Amino acid sequence: MAQLIQVLRFAFPAVIAIATLEAIVIAVVMRRSYNWRAYLASLADALGREYLVYAFLPLSLAGPAIDLAWRHRLFTIPLNSAAAVVLLVIVQDFSYYWFHRCSHRVRWFWATHAIHHSSNEFNLAAASRFGWTGRLTGAGLFFVPMIWAGFAPGPVFIAAAINLLYQFWLHAEWIPKLGWLEYVLNTPSHHRVHHAANPEYLDRNYGGIFIVFDRLFGTFVAERDDLPCRYGLVTPLRSNNPIVIAFHEWAALARDLWRARSWRERLACLIGPPGDDPAAPLVAAVVQEADRQVGRAAA
């Protein structure tokens, strides 16, 4: 995954400059409200990840699996033609789709991905929130099958970096729908839906560069003119403290693991969807029993 980190680090100054320019235009030229504290929180998240976490914590849970897959690959796919490069981009986006979908539906991965959705604003600065624990969750495992099939790890993660950089411009609320491109590509309109916490929009539009996989697998929803997006988490995170942003969902996961009554419930906490608390029935039973006791005492 070193190639992905290098590409993103190289592009980082341009990303911050463009996000800052957007903020100035919105706040000064358009005279609209802009949350500068959220901007600084996103910047702190990005700086901490690029220059602290990646510099001093090079470990990757997926690293051994990536090396093993490449050593025992089925084929070697040379990237010596335009067709091969296009195939790499498409297969990488397919892998990204499933990584992204699992990041919303498996709580272990959501603990990191929730950080990207933690901003209550939708702008280019929020695009840089990715958290500090992605490499420790094994996110790279989703690209192991294509490496085993014969794509070299270097090009795979360069393609992944290009995929993420493509998504940067999608975090713009002011870009309208783009006509026929909406049928093929992931666009700002599609990504606004993805970041919305409205029940009608929740957990949709997982694509990276393309939207075709969402259409194929039934996870596509179009942005509606009559239903404005409410951005952020289902339960909004109001803090702009980068430490709270980075670890709030991990803390919630640890709390629910502690409250779980069995190893089966703990496993359900880790691999079940966000919001599913296997200890909830226990808590409800305790509350009901307390209510009964209060009722008896009052009688």
Protein backbone atom coordinates (compact mmCIF):
# COMPACT_ATOMS: atom_id res chain seq x y z
CA MET A 1 0.00 0.00 0.00
CA ALA A 2 3.06 2.28 -0.02
CA GLN A 3 2.24 3.44 -3.56
CA LEU A 4 -1.23 4.60 -2.52
CA ILE A 5 0.22 6.61 0.37
CA GLN A 6 2.90 8.20 -1.84
CA VAL A 7 0.42 9.28 -4.50
CA LEU A 8 -2.00 10.75 -1.98
CA ARG A 9 0.83 12.54 -0.14
CA PHE A 10 2.04 14.05 -3.42
CA ALA A 11 -1.46 15.34 -4.20
CA PHE A 12 -2.18 16.48 -0.63
CA PRO A 13 -1.06 20.15 -0.96
CA ALA A 14 -3.20 20.64 -4.08
CA VAL A 15 -6.22 19.05 -2.38
CA ILE A 16 -5.91 21.37 0.63
CA ALA A 17 -5.37 24.42 -1.58
CA ILE A 18 -8.49 23.69 -3.66
CA ALA A 19 -10.59 22.96 -0.56
CA THR A 20 -9.41 26.25 0.97
CA LEU A 21 -10.24 28.16 -2.21
CA GLU A 22 -13.74 26.68 -2.18
CA ALA A 23 -14.15 27.74 1.46
CA ILE A 24 -13.09 31.32 0.68
CA VAL A 25 -15.41 31.56 -2.33
CA ILE A 26 -18.37 30.24 -0.32
CA ALA A 27 -17.72 32.45 2.71
CA VAL A 28 -16.47 35.67 1.06
CA VAL A 29 -17.75 35.75 -2.52
CA MET A 30 -21.06 33.90 -2.12
CA ARG A 31 -21.51 35.23 1.46
CA ARG A 32 -22.83 31.91 2.70
CA SER A 33 -22.27 30.34 6.11
CA TYR A 34 -19.15 28.20 6.27
CA ASN A 35 -18.07 26.09 9.26
CA TRP A 36 -14.39 26.96 9.64
CA ARG A 37 -14.05 24.81 12.77
CA ALA A 38 -15.14 21.76 10.77
CA TYR A 39 -12.66 22.81 8.07
CA LEU A 40 -9.82 22.89 10.62
CA ALA A 41 -10.94 19.54 12.04
CA SER A 42 -10.79 17.98 8.56
CA LEU A 43 -7.37 19.53 8.00
CA ALA A 44 -6.12 18.18 11.34
CA ASP A 45 -7.40 14.70 10.45
CA ALA A 46 -5.59 14.79 7.10
CA LEU A 47 -2.33 16.20 8.51
CA GLY A 48 -2.31 13.69 11.35
CA ARG A 49 -2.83 10.80 8.96
CA GLU A 50 -0.30 11.85 6.34
CA TYR A 51 2.54 13.10 8.53
CA LEU A 52 2.15 11.29 11.86
CA VAL A 53 0.26 8.01 11.56
CA TYR A 54 1.68 6.88 8.20
CA ALA A 55 5.16 8.09 9.15
CA PHE A 56 5.41 6.38 12.55
CA LEU A 57 2.96 3.48 12.20
CA PRO A 58 3.81 1.68 8.95
CA LEU A 59 2.01 -1.53 9.93
CA SER A 60 -0.74 -2.88 7.68
CA LEU A 61 -2.99 -5.79 8.61
CA ALA A 62 -3.41 -6.63 4.92
CA GLY A 63 0.31 -6.53 4.11
CA PRO A 64 1.08 -10.25 4.60
CA ALA A 65 -1.99 -11.30 2.59
CA ILE A 66 -1.01 -8.97 -0.26
CA ASP A 67 2.52 -10.39 -0.36
CA LEU A 68 1.21 -13.97 -0.23
CA ALA A 69 -1.30 -13.35 -3.01
CA TRP A 70 1.38 -11.88 -5.30
CA ARG A 71 3.86 -14.69 -4.66
CA HIS A 72 1.21 -17.31 -5.50
CA ARG A 73 -0.62 -15.38 -8.24
CA LEU A 74 -2.51 -17.32 -10.88
CA PHE A 75 -1.27 -15.19 -13.78
CA THR A 76 0.82 -12.10 -14.46
CA ILE A 77 -1.19 -9.41 -16.21
CA PRO A 78 1.14 -6.98 -18.04
CA LEU A 79 -0.03 -3.39 -18.21
CA ASN A 80 1.47 -2.81 -21.63
CA SER A 81 -1.68 -1.74 -23.44
CA ALA A 82 -4.56 0.70 -23.00
CA ALA A 83 -7.00 -2.22 -22.72
CA ALA A 84 -5.04 -3.68 -19.79
CA VAL A 85 -4.99 -0.33 -17.99
CA VAL A 86 -8.74 0.13 -18.52
CA LEU A 87 -9.31 -3.38 -17.17
CA LEU A 88 -7.22 -2.53 -14.09
CA VAL A 89 -9.28 0.61 -13.43
CA ILE A 90 -12.60 -1.25 -13.81
CA VAL A 91 -11.58 -4.23 -11.65
CA GLN A 92 -10.15 -1.91 -9.02
CA ASP A 93 -13.39 0.08 -8.94
CA PHE A 94 -15.36 -3.18 -8.61
CA SER A 95 -13.16 -4.12 -5.64
CA TYR A 96 -13.57 -0.65 -4.20
CA TYR A 97 -17.36 -0.94 -4.47
CA TRP A 98 -17.35 -4.00 -2.20
CA PHE A 99 -14.84 -2.45 0.19
CA HIS A 100 -17.01 0.65 0.43
CA ARG A 101 -20.23 -1.34 0.85
CA CYS A 102 -18.68 -3.46 3.61
CA SER A 103 -17.37 -0.28 5.24
CA HIS A 104 -21.01 0.71 5.76
CA ARG A 105 -22.41 -2.71 6.63
CA VAL A 106 -19.63 -4.26 8.77
CA ARG A 107 -19.03 -2.37 11.98
CA TRP A 108 -15.31 -3.23 12.19
CA PHE A 109 -14.73 -1.30 8.98
CA TRP A 110 -17.37 1.31 9.78
CA ALA A 111 -15.40 2.34 12.89
CA THR A 112 -12.88 3.95 10.54
CA HIS A 113 -15.19 4.90 7.68
CA ALA A 114 -17.60 6.72 10.00
CA ILE A 115 -14.96 9.44 10.24
CA HIS A 116 -15.43 10.28 6.57
CA HIS A 117 -19.16 10.75 7.21
CA SER A 118 -18.75 12.64 10.50
CA SER A 119 -18.88 16.14 9.02
CA ASN A 120 -22.30 17.75 9.09
CA GLU A 121 -21.31 19.80 6.05
CA PHE A 122 -20.70 18.58 2.51
CA ASN A 123 -17.72 20.33 0.96
CA LEU A 124 -14.27 19.69 -0.46
CA ALA A 125 -12.62 20.01 2.96
CA ALA A 126 -14.75 17.14 4.31
CA ALA A 127 -13.43 14.95 1.50
CA SER A 128 -10.06 14.72 3.28
CA ARG A 129 -11.49 13.03 6.41
CA PHE A 130 -10.44 9.38 6.31
CA GLY A 131 -9.32 8.72 9.88
CA TRP A 132 -6.12 7.24 11.18
CA THR A 133 -6.91 3.53 11.55
CA GLY A 134 -7.65 2.34 8.02
CA ARG A 135 -4.44 0.34 7.59
CA LEU A 136 -5.00 -1.40 10.92
CA THR A 137 -8.47 -2.65 9.93
CA GLY A 138 -7.24 -4.60 6.90
CA ALA A 139 -8.93 -2.48 4.24
CA GLY A 140 -6.36 -3.65 1.69
CA LEU A 141 -7.75 -7.20 1.89
CA PHE A 142 -10.48 -6.23 -0.57
CA PHE A 143 -7.85 -5.83 -3.30
CA VAL A 144 -6.13 -9.16 -2.61
CA PRO A 145 -8.26 -11.14 -5.15
CA MET A 146 -7.18 -8.95 -8.07
CA ILE A 147 -3.54 -9.23 -6.96
CA TRP A 148 -3.89 -13.00 -6.75
CA ALA A 149 -5.40 -12.95 -10.24
CA GLY A 150 -2.27 -11.27 -11.59
CA PHE A 151 -2.34 -7.48 -11.16
CA ALA A 152 0.86 -6.29 -9.46
CA PRO A 153 0.33 -4.61 -6.05
CA GLY A 154 2.00 -1.36 -7.15
CA PRO A 155 -0.39 -0.58 -10.01
CA VAL A 156 -3.37 -1.79 -7.95
CA PHE A 157 -2.76 0.74 -5.20
CA ILE A 158 -1.83 3.50 -7.63
CA ALA A 159 -5.24 2.87 -9.23
CA ALA A 160 -6.79 2.98 -5.75
CA ALA A 161 -5.15 6.35 -5.12
CA ILE A 162 -6.45 7.69 -8.44
CA ASN A 163 -9.90 6.39 -7.47
CA LEU A 164 -9.80 8.35 -4.19
CA LEU A 165 -8.48 11.47 -5.91
CA TYR A 166 -11.31 11.25 -8.44
CA GLN A 167 -13.76 11.26 -5.55
CA PHE A 168 -12.38 14.53 -4.17
CA TRP A 169 -14.39 16.71 -6.56
CA LEU A 170 -17.53 14.70 -5.81
CA HIS A 171 -17.76 16.43 -2.40
CA ALA A 172 -19.14 19.64 -3.90
CA GLU A 173 -22.66 20.70 -3.03
CA TRP A 174 -22.71 23.42 -5.71
CA ILE A 175 -22.13 21.18 -8.76
CA PRO A 176 -25.47 20.27 -10.43
CA LYS A 177 -26.45 17.01 -12.09
CA LEU A 178 -24.37 16.24 -15.17
CA GLY A 179 -26.80 14.85 -17.70
CA TRP A 180 -25.98 11.53 -19.34
CA LEU A 181 -22.79 11.16 -17.26
CA GLU A 182 -25.05 10.39 -14.29
CA TYR A 183 -25.79 6.97 -15.83
CA VAL A 184 -22.15 5.84 -15.93
CA LEU A 185 -19.98 7.86 -13.56
CA ASN A 186 -20.15 8.63 -9.90
CA THR A 187 -21.02 12.33 -9.74
CA PRO A 188 -21.44 14.98 -7.03
CA SER A 189 -25.20 14.38 -7.15
CA HIS A 190 -24.76 10.64 -6.52
CA HIS A 191 -22.22 11.28 -3.79
CA ARG A 192 -24.46 13.79 -2.04
CA VAL A 193 -26.92 10.94 -1.66
CA HIS A 194 -24.18 8.71 -0.31
CA HIS A 195 -23.31 11.24 2.40
CA ALA A 196 -26.93 11.90 3.35
CA ALA A 197 -28.36 10.56 6.60
CA ASN A 198 -31.98 10.70 5.39
CA PRO A 199 -33.60 7.24 5.69
CA GLU A 200 -34.50 7.38 1.99
CA TYR A 201 -30.83 7.88 1.04
CA LEU A 202 -29.04 5.87 3.70
CA ASP A 203 -26.34 3.37 2.62
CA ARG A 204 -26.55 3.99 -1.13
CA ASN A 205 -24.25 4.85 -4.03
CA TYR A 206 -21.04 3.10 -2.98
CA GLY A 207 -19.24 3.52 -6.31
CA GLY A 208 -15.83 5.13 -6.65
CA ILE A 209 -15.35 6.27 -10.24
CA PHE A 210 -18.33 4.45 -11.75
CA ILE A 211 -21.95 4.19 -10.64
CA VAL A 212 -22.71 1.11 -12.75
CA PHE A 213 -22.00 -1.37 -9.95
CA ASP A 214 -24.61 0.33 -7.73
CA ARG A 215 -27.09 0.02 -10.56
CA LEU A 216 -26.18 -3.65 -11.07
CA PHE A 217 -26.35 -4.63 -7.39
CA GLY A 218 -29.39 -2.60 -6.37
CA THR A 219 -27.75 0.04 -4.19
CA PHE A 220 -28.37 3.05 -6.43
CA VAL A 221 -30.66 5.90 -5.46
CA ALA A 222 -30.92 9.17 -7.40
CA GLU A 223 -30.91 12.55 -5.67
CA ARG A 224 -34.42 13.97 -5.41
CA ASP A 225 -35.29 17.63 -5.86
CA ASP A 226 -38.04 17.31 -3.24
CA LEU A 227 -35.80 15.73 -0.59
CA PRO A 228 -32.76 17.82 0.43
CA CYS A 229 -29.83 15.86 1.84
CA ARG A 230 -29.07 16.04 5.55
CA TYR A 231 -25.36 15.39 5.83
CA GLY A 232 -23.46 13.66 8.60
CA LEU A 233 -24.08 10.60 10.73
CA VAL A 234 -27.55 9.32 11.66
CA THR A 235 -26.77 10.57 15.16
CA PRO A 236 -24.86 13.76 14.33
CA LEU A 237 -21.38 14.23 15.75
CA ARG A 238 -21.13 17.81 16.99
CA SER A 239 -17.49 17.76 18.06
CA ASN A 240 -14.71 19.33 15.99
CA ASN A 241 -12.01 17.77 18.15
CA PRO A 242 -9.89 15.62 15.77
CA ILE A 243 -9.25 13.04 18.52
CA VAL A 244 -12.98 12.63 19.14
CA ILE A 245 -13.61 12.44 15.39
CA ALA A 246 -10.92 9.77 14.94
CA PHE A 247 -11.97 7.51 17.80
CA HIS A 248 -15.63 8.16 18.66
CA GLU A 249 -16.91 5.10 16.79
CA TRP A 250 -14.10 2.90 18.11
CA ALA A 251 -15.09 3.97 21.63
CA ALA A 252 -18.73 3.08 20.90
CA LEU A 253 -17.67 -0.30 19.52
CA ALA A 254 -15.54 -1.00 22.61
CA ARG A 255 -18.48 -0.07 24.86
CA ASP A 256 -20.83 -2.44 23.04
CA LEU A 257 -18.25 -5.24 23.12
CA TRP A 258 -17.96 -4.77 26.89
CA ARG A 259 -21.74 -4.89 27.32
CA ALA A 260 -22.15 -8.02 25.16
CA ARG A 261 -23.10 -11.14 27.14
CA SER A 262 -21.35 -13.80 25.05
CA TRP A 263 -18.65 -14.31 22.45
CA ARG A 264 -21.37 -14.72 19.84
CA GLU A 265 -22.70 -11.26 20.67
CA ARG A 266 -19.17 -9.84 20.57
CA LEU A 267 -18.67 -11.32 17.12
CA ALA A 268 -22.00 -9.84 16.06
CA CYS A 269 -20.78 -6.45 17.29
CA LEU A 270 -17.70 -6.70 15.10
CA ILE A 271 -19.20 -8.00 11.86
CA GLY A 272 -22.82 -6.86 12.15
CA PRO A 273 -24.15 -3.60 10.69
CA PRO A 274 -23.61 -0.30 12.53
CA GLY A 275 -26.45 0.44 14.89
CA ASP A 276 -27.06 -3.21 15.75
CA ASP A 277 -26.27 -3.65 19.43
CA PRO A 278 -26.58 -7.30 20.51
CA ALA A 279 -26.68 -6.20 24.13
CA ALA A 280 -29.71 -3.99 23.51
CA PRO A 281 -32.23 -6.70 24.53
CA LEU A 282 -30.37 -7.05 27.83
CA VAL A 283 -30.47 -3.30 28.44
CA ALA A 284 -34.18 -3.20 27.56
CA ALA A 285 -34.87 -6.07 29.96
CA VAL A 286 -33.00 -4.28 32.76
CA VAL A 287 -34.96 -1.07 32.12
CA GLN A 288 -38.28 -2.95 32.07
CA GLU A 289 -37.44 -4.72 35.33
CA ALA A 290 -36.50 -1.40 36.93
CA ASP A 291 -39.80 0.07 35.81
CA ARG A 292 -41.64 -2.87 37.34
CA GLN A 293 -39.81 -2.44 40.62
CA VAL A 294 -40.62 1.27 40.68
CA GLY A 295 -44.27 0.47 39.97
CA ARG A 296 -44.41 -2.05 42.82
CA ALA A 297 -42.78 0.43 45.23
CA ALA A 298 -45.27 3.13 44.23
CA ALA A 299 -48.18 0.71 44.76
